[in-house]
Amino acid sequence: MKYFKLFFVTLMVSILMMISAFAGQWQQDALGSRYLKDDGSNAIGWEWIDRNNDGIAERYYFNESGYCLINTVTPDGCLVDANGAWVVNDAVQTQALSAQLSITQNASASASTSKSEQSNIGTVWLSATGSKYHSRNNCGTMNPAKAREVSLDEAQSLGMTACKKCFK
């Protein structure tokens, strides 16, 4: 019985350690801060992360090496503060975790999205010169390098309308 209890306790501790190993976590080294995602890979590009566990995520940009940019302008023209959080007019941009969507729109996304699917999209793309928002960053003659990723709510608050190619 004594060995069974020891085995059971060891098993439970091992399981708990495995669970925590898969949780996303920040890592600091001589080059800066990186965020390891749940799958163990480095975050690249924009990520919503609840850094202080308050139920509200802030948006961070990670370069191709996985390091968080700080006190600079990101390649897509957004400003990040000393913590690496995206700021607009000196206000950190946040998103409640309960409202966070896991949908990611990228170049491999479908070219057509129905009106009913449009309401499920959390992130859209703005071209550098247009007045429409897109479900992907390479729609038509849009330059993916100059496309800006924003929330659907932000695009609509800027007076943008849906692209007829992306949202049929």
C-alpha atoms as a PDB file:
ATOM      1  CA  MET A   1       0.000   0.000   0.000  1.00  0.00           C
ATOM      2  CA  LYS A   2       2.876   2.353   0.836  1.00  0.00           C
ATOM      3  CA  TYR A   3       4.357   1.903  -2.651  1.00  0.00           C
ATOM      4  CA  PHE A   4       0.968   2.427  -4.273  1.00  0.00           C
ATOM      5  CA  LYS A   5       0.580   5.784  -2.510  1.00  0.00           C
ATOM      6  CA  LEU A   6       4.102   6.795  -3.525  1.00  0.00           C
ATOM      7  CA  PHE A   7       3.396   5.750  -7.116  1.00  0.00           C
ATOM      8  CA  PHE A   8       0.097   7.665  -7.144  1.00  0.00           C
ATOM      9  CA  VAL A   9       1.656  10.859  -5.747  1.00  0.00           C
ATOM     10  CA  THR A  10       4.544  10.627  -8.223  1.00  0.00           C
ATOM     11  CA  LEU A  11       2.102  10.105 -11.085  1.00  0.00           C
ATOM     12  CA  MET A  12       0.001  13.130 -10.075  1.00  0.00           C
ATOM     13  CA  VAL A  13       3.057  15.391  -9.743  1.00  0.00           C
ATOM     14  CA  SER A  14       4.257  14.242 -13.167  1.00  0.00           C
ATOM     15  CA  ILE A  15       0.881  15.000 -14.744  1.00  0.00           C
ATOM     16  CA  LEU A  16       0.758  18.456 -13.168  1.00  0.00           C
ATOM     17  CA  MET A  17       4.259  19.208 -14.424  1.00  0.00           C
ATOM     18  CA  MET A  18       3.289  18.160 -17.947  1.00  0.00           C
ATOM     19  CA  ILE A  19       0.250  20.442 -17.902  1.00  0.00           C
ATOM     20  CA  SER A  20       2.287  23.464 -16.837  1.00  0.00           C
ATOM     21  CA  ALA A  21       4.931  22.660 -19.449  1.00  0.00           C
ATOM     22  CA  PHE A  22       2.344  23.207 -22.190  1.00  0.00           C
ATOM     23  CA  ALA A  23       1.091  26.568 -20.890  1.00  0.00           C
ATOM     24  CA  GLY A  24       2.396  29.603 -22.775  1.00  0.00           C
ATOM     25  CA  GLN A  25       5.158  31.401 -20.936  1.00  0.00           C
ATOM     26  CA  TRP A  26       7.500  34.372 -21.216  1.00  0.00           C
ATOM     27  CA  GLN A  27      11.244  33.752 -21.342  1.00  0.00           C
ATOM     28  CA  GLN A  28      13.923  36.391 -20.846  1.00  0.00           C
ATOM     29  CA  ASP A  29      17.504  36.100 -22.092  1.00  0.00           C
ATOM     30  CA  ALA A  30      20.348  38.446 -23.071  1.00  0.00           C
ATOM     31  CA  LEU A  31      18.624  39.311 -26.376  1.00  0.00           C
ATOM     32  CA  GLY A  32      15.206  40.153 -24.918  1.00  0.00           C
ATOM     33  CA  SER A  33      11.829  38.585 -24.158  1.00  0.00           C
ATOM     34  CA  ARG A  34      10.263  35.683 -26.015  1.00  0.00           C
ATOM     35  CA  TYR A  35       6.902  34.012 -25.567  1.00  0.00           C
ATOM     36  CA  LEU A  36       6.686  30.241 -25.863  1.00  0.00           C
ATOM     37  CA  LYS A  37       3.222  29.219 -27.005  1.00  0.00           C
ATOM     38  CA  ASP A  38       1.296  26.236 -25.664  1.00  0.00           C
ATOM     39  CA  ASP A  39       2.763  23.989 -28.366  1.00  0.00           C
ATOM     40  CA  GLY A  40       6.342  24.945 -27.400  1.00  0.00           C
ATOM     41  CA  SER A  41       6.986  27.127 -30.456  1.00  0.00           C
ATOM     42  CA  ASN A  42       8.032  30.787 -30.294  1.00  0.00           C
ATOM     43  CA  ALA A  43       5.381  33.408 -30.940  1.00  0.00           C
ATOM     44  CA  ILE A  44       5.983  35.139 -34.299  1.00  0.00           C
ATOM     45  CA  GLY A  45       4.086  38.218 -35.479  1.00  0.00           C
ATOM     46  CA  TRP A  46       1.128  39.575 -33.486  1.00  0.00           C
ATOM     47  CA  GLU A  47      -0.202  37.682 -30.431  1.00  0.00           C
ATOM     48  CA  TRP A  48      -2.850  38.533 -27.822  1.00  0.00           C
ATOM     49  CA  ILE A  49      -1.330  37.589 -24.431  1.00  0.00           C
ATOM     50  CA  ASP A  50      -2.619  38.126 -20.892  1.00  0.00           C
ATOM     51  CA  ARG A  51       0.790  38.933 -19.409  1.00  0.00           C
ATOM     52  CA  ASN A  52      -0.441  39.791 -15.891  1.00  0.00           C
ATOM     53  CA  ASN A  53      -3.254  37.192 -15.693  1.00  0.00           C
ATOM     54  CA  ASP A  54      -6.008  39.770 -15.168  1.00  0.00           C
ATOM     55  CA  GLY A  55      -8.330  38.310 -17.819  1.00  0.00           C
ATOM     56  CA  ILE A  56      -7.423  41.087 -20.284  1.00  0.00           C
ATOM     57  CA  ALA A  57      -4.948  40.379 -23.076  1.00  0.00           C
ATOM     58  CA  GLU A  58      -2.567  42.902 -24.556  1.00  0.00           C
ATOM     59  CA  ARG A  59      -1.233  42.600 -28.095  1.00  0.00           C
ATOM     60  CA  TYR A  60       2.496  42.029 -28.654  1.00  0.00           C
ATOM     61  CA  TYR A  61       4.603  41.797 -31.809  1.00  0.00           C
ATOM     62  CA  PHE A  62       7.361  39.175 -32.088  1.00  0.00           C
ATOM     63  CA  ASN A  63      10.066  39.300 -34.778  1.00  0.00           C
ATOM     64  CA  GLU A  64      11.092  36.359 -36.969  1.00  0.00           C
ATOM     65  CA  SER A  65      13.474  35.178 -34.201  1.00  0.00           C
ATOM     66  CA  GLY A  66      10.630  35.176 -31.680  1.00  0.00           C
ATOM     67  CA  TYR A  67      11.694  38.258 -29.693  1.00  0.00           C
ATOM     68  CA  CYS A  68       9.156  40.839 -28.546  1.00  0.00           C
ATOM     69  CA  LEU A  69       9.727  44.295 -30.030  1.00  0.00           C
ATOM     70  CA  ILE A  70       9.803  47.127 -27.470  1.00  0.00           C
ATOM     71  CA  ASN A  71       9.742  50.941 -27.730  1.00  0.00           C
ATOM     72  CA  THR A  72       9.592  50.909 -31.509  1.00  0.00           C
ATOM     73  CA  VAL A  73       7.404  50.782 -34.596  1.00  0.00           C
ATOM     74  CA  THR A  74       6.545  47.301 -35.861  1.00  0.00           C
ATOM     75  CA  PRO A  75       7.119  46.353 -39.517  1.00  0.00           C
ATOM     76  CA  ASP A  76       3.406  46.972 -40.199  1.00  0.00           C
ATOM     77  CA  GLY A  77       3.586  50.507 -38.769  1.00  0.00           C
ATOM     78  CA  CYS A  78       2.146  50.026 -35.265  1.00  0.00           C
ATOM     79  CA  LEU A  79       3.726  51.498 -32.135  1.00  0.00           C
ATOM     80  CA  VAL A  80       4.703  49.290 -29.176  1.00  0.00           C
ATOM     81  CA  ASP A  81       5.636  50.549 -25.693  1.00  0.00           C
ATOM     82  CA  ALA A  82       8.432  49.675 -23.221  1.00  0.00           C
ATOM     83  CA  ASN A  83       6.654  46.414 -22.347  1.00  0.00           C
ATOM     84  CA  GLY A  84       6.123  45.539 -26.009  1.00  0.00           C
ATOM     85  CA  ALA A  85       2.357  46.152 -25.888  1.00  0.00           C
ATOM     86  CA  TRP A  86       0.636  47.752 -28.905  1.00  0.00           C
ATOM     87  CA  VAL A  87      -0.355  51.357 -28.203  1.00  0.00           C
ATOM     88  CA  VAL A  88      -2.584  53.795 -30.066  1.00  0.00           C
ATOM     89  CA  ASN A  89      -2.626  57.426 -28.859  1.00  0.00           C
ATOM     90  CA  ASP A  90      -0.635  56.363 -25.747  1.00  0.00           C
ATOM     91  CA  ALA A  91      -3.296  53.772 -24.790  1.00  0.00           C
ATOM     92  CA  VAL A  92      -2.410  50.076 -24.600  1.00  0.00           C
ATOM     93  CA  GLN A  93      -4.759  48.092 -26.839  1.00  0.00           C
ATOM     94  CA  THR A  94      -6.507  45.327 -24.906  1.00  0.00           C
ATOM     95  CA  GLN A  95      -9.021  42.559 -25.439  1.00  0.00           C
ATOM     96  CA  ALA A  96     -11.046  40.649 -22.855  1.00  0.00           C
ATOM     97  CA  LEU A  97     -10.098  36.985 -22.957  1.00  0.00           C
ATOM     98  CA  SER A  98     -13.732  35.896 -22.997  1.00  0.00           C
ATOM     99  CA  ALA A  99     -14.170  37.823 -26.249  1.00  0.00           C
ATOM    100  CA  GLN A 100     -10.908  36.659 -27.797  1.00  0.00           C
ATOM    101  CA  LEU A 101     -11.360  34.611 -30.947  1.00  0.00           C
ATOM    102  CA  SER A 102      -8.901  32.001 -32.083  1.00  0.00           C
ATOM    103  CA  ILE A 103      -9.568  32.639 -35.754  1.00  0.00           C
ATOM    104  CA  THR A 104      -6.427  33.740 -37.555  1.00  0.00           C
ATOM    105  CA  GLN A 105      -6.684  35.165 -41.035  1.00  0.00           C
ATOM    106  CA  ASN A 106      -3.543  34.701 -43.135  1.00  0.00           C
ATOM    107  CA  ALA A 107      -2.433  34.255 -46.721  1.00  0.00           C
ATOM    108  CA  SER A 108      -3.669  30.666 -46.791  1.00  0.00           C
ATOM    109  CA  ALA A 109      -7.174  31.654 -45.711  1.00  0.00           C
ATOM    110  CA  SER A 110     -10.073  31.054 -48.032  1.00  0.00           C
ATOM    111  CA  ALA A 111     -10.700  33.769 -50.598  1.00  0.00           C
ATOM    112  CA  SER A 112     -14.427  33.756 -49.947  1.00  0.00           C
ATOM    113  CA  THR A 113     -16.191  34.222 -46.650  1.00  0.00           C
ATOM    114  CA  SER A 114     -19.963  34.320 -46.330  1.00  0.00           C
ATOM    115  CA  LYS A 115     -21.846  37.088 -44.527  1.00  0.00           C
ATOM    116  CA  SER A 116     -22.645  34.659 -41.696  1.00  0.00           C
ATOM    117  CA  GLU A 117     -18.948  33.846 -41.301  1.00  0.00           C
ATOM    118  CA  GLN A 118     -18.102  37.558 -41.233  1.00  0.00           C
ATOM    119  CA  SER A 119     -19.602  37.928 -37.756  1.00  0.00           C
ATOM    120  CA  ASN A 120     -17.165  35.274 -36.453  1.00  0.00           C
ATOM    121  CA  ILE A 121     -14.024  37.055 -37.644  1.00  0.00           C
ATOM    122  CA  GLY A 122     -12.046  38.872 -34.975  1.00  0.00           C
ATOM    123  CA  THR A 123      -9.128  40.084 -37.105  1.00  0.00           C
ATOM    124  CA  VAL A 124      -9.202  41.792 -40.491  1.00  0.00           C
ATOM    125  CA  TRP A 125      -6.655  43.488 -42.742  1.00  0.00           C
ATOM    126  CA  LEU A 126      -6.550  47.102 -43.928  1.00  0.00           C
ATOM    127  CA  SER A 127      -4.677  48.116 -47.054  1.00  0.00           C
ATOM    128  CA  ALA A 128      -2.372  51.123 -46.831  1.00  0.00           C
ATOM    129  CA  THR A 129      -4.585  53.214 -49.127  1.00  0.00           C
ATOM    130  CA  GLY A 130      -8.063  51.692 -49.213  1.00  0.00           C
ATOM    131  CA  SER A 131     -11.348  52.182 -47.412  1.00  0.00           C
ATOM    132  CA  LYS A 132     -12.262  48.499 -47.124  1.00  0.00           C
ATOM    133  CA  TYR A 133     -11.287  45.737 -44.709  1.00  0.00           C
ATOM    134  CA  HIS A 134     -10.275  42.280 -45.902  1.00  0.00           C
ATOM    135  CA  SER A 135     -10.284  38.728 -44.545  1.00  0.00           C
ATOM    136  CA  ARG A 136      -6.735  38.184 -45.860  1.00  0.00           C
ATOM    137  CA  ASN A 137      -3.675  40.373 -46.341  1.00  0.00           C
ATOM    138  CA  ASN A 138      -3.174  39.652 -50.045  1.00  0.00           C
ATOM    139  CA  CYS A 139      -6.573  40.390 -51.559  1.00  0.00           C
ATOM    140  CA  GLY A 140      -6.414  41.670 -55.142  1.00  0.00           C
ATOM    141  CA  THR A 141      -3.619  44.199 -55.645  1.00  0.00           C
ATOM    142  CA  MET A 142      -3.120  44.703 -51.902  1.00  0.00           C
ATOM    143  CA  ASN A 143       0.537  44.735 -50.768  1.00  0.00           C
ATOM    144  CA  PRO A 144       0.832  42.202 -47.883  1.00  0.00           C
ATOM    145  CA  ALA A 145       3.909  44.011 -46.536  1.00  0.00           C
ATOM    146  CA  LYS A 146       1.895  47.215 -46.081  1.00  0.00           C
ATOM    147  CA  ALA A 147      -1.361  45.617 -44.912  1.00  0.00           C
ATOM    148  CA  ARG A 148      -2.280  46.387 -41.295  1.00  0.00           C
ATOM    149  CA  GLU A 149      -3.972  43.809 -39.069  1.00  0.00           C
ATOM    150  CA  VAL A 150      -6.735  45.213 -36.818  1.00  0.00           C
ATOM    151  CA  SER A 151      -9.842  43.993 -35.044  1.00  0.00           C
ATOM    152  CA  LEU A 152     -13.104  43.951 -36.984  1.00  0.00           C
ATOM    153  CA  ASP A 153     -14.565  46.428 -34.479  1.00  0.00           C
ATOM    154  CA  GLU A 154     -11.681  48.849 -35.035  1.00  0.00           C
ATOM    155  CA  ALA A 155     -12.012  48.638 -38.829  1.00  0.00           C
ATOM    156  CA  GLN A 156     -15.733  49.354 -38.616  1.00  0.00           C
ATOM    157  CA  SER A 157     -15.179  52.227 -36.160  1.00  0.00           C
ATOM    158  CA  LEU A 158     -12.796  53.765 -38.723  1.00  0.00           C
ATOM    159  CA  GLY A 159     -15.655  53.742 -41.248  1.00  0.00           C
ATOM    160  CA  MET A 160     -14.213  50.897 -43.316  1.00  0.00           C
ATOM    161  CA  THR A 161     -16.565  48.607 -45.214  1.00  0.00           C
ATOM    162  CA  ALA A 162     -16.191  44.919 -46.083  1.00  0.00           C
ATOM    163  CA  CYS A 163     -14.370  43.955 -49.279  1.00  0.00           C
ATOM    164  CA  LYS A 164     -16.845  42.378 -51.714  1.00  0.00           C
ATOM    165  CA  LYS A 165     -14.240  39.792 -52.814  1.00  0.00           C
ATOM    166  CA  CYS A 166     -13.446  38.646 -49.266  1.00  0.00           C
ATOM    167  CA  PHE A 167     -16.964  38.827 -47.816  1.00  0.00           C
ATOM    168  CA  LYS A 168     -19.511  37.462 -50.308  1.00  0.00           C
END
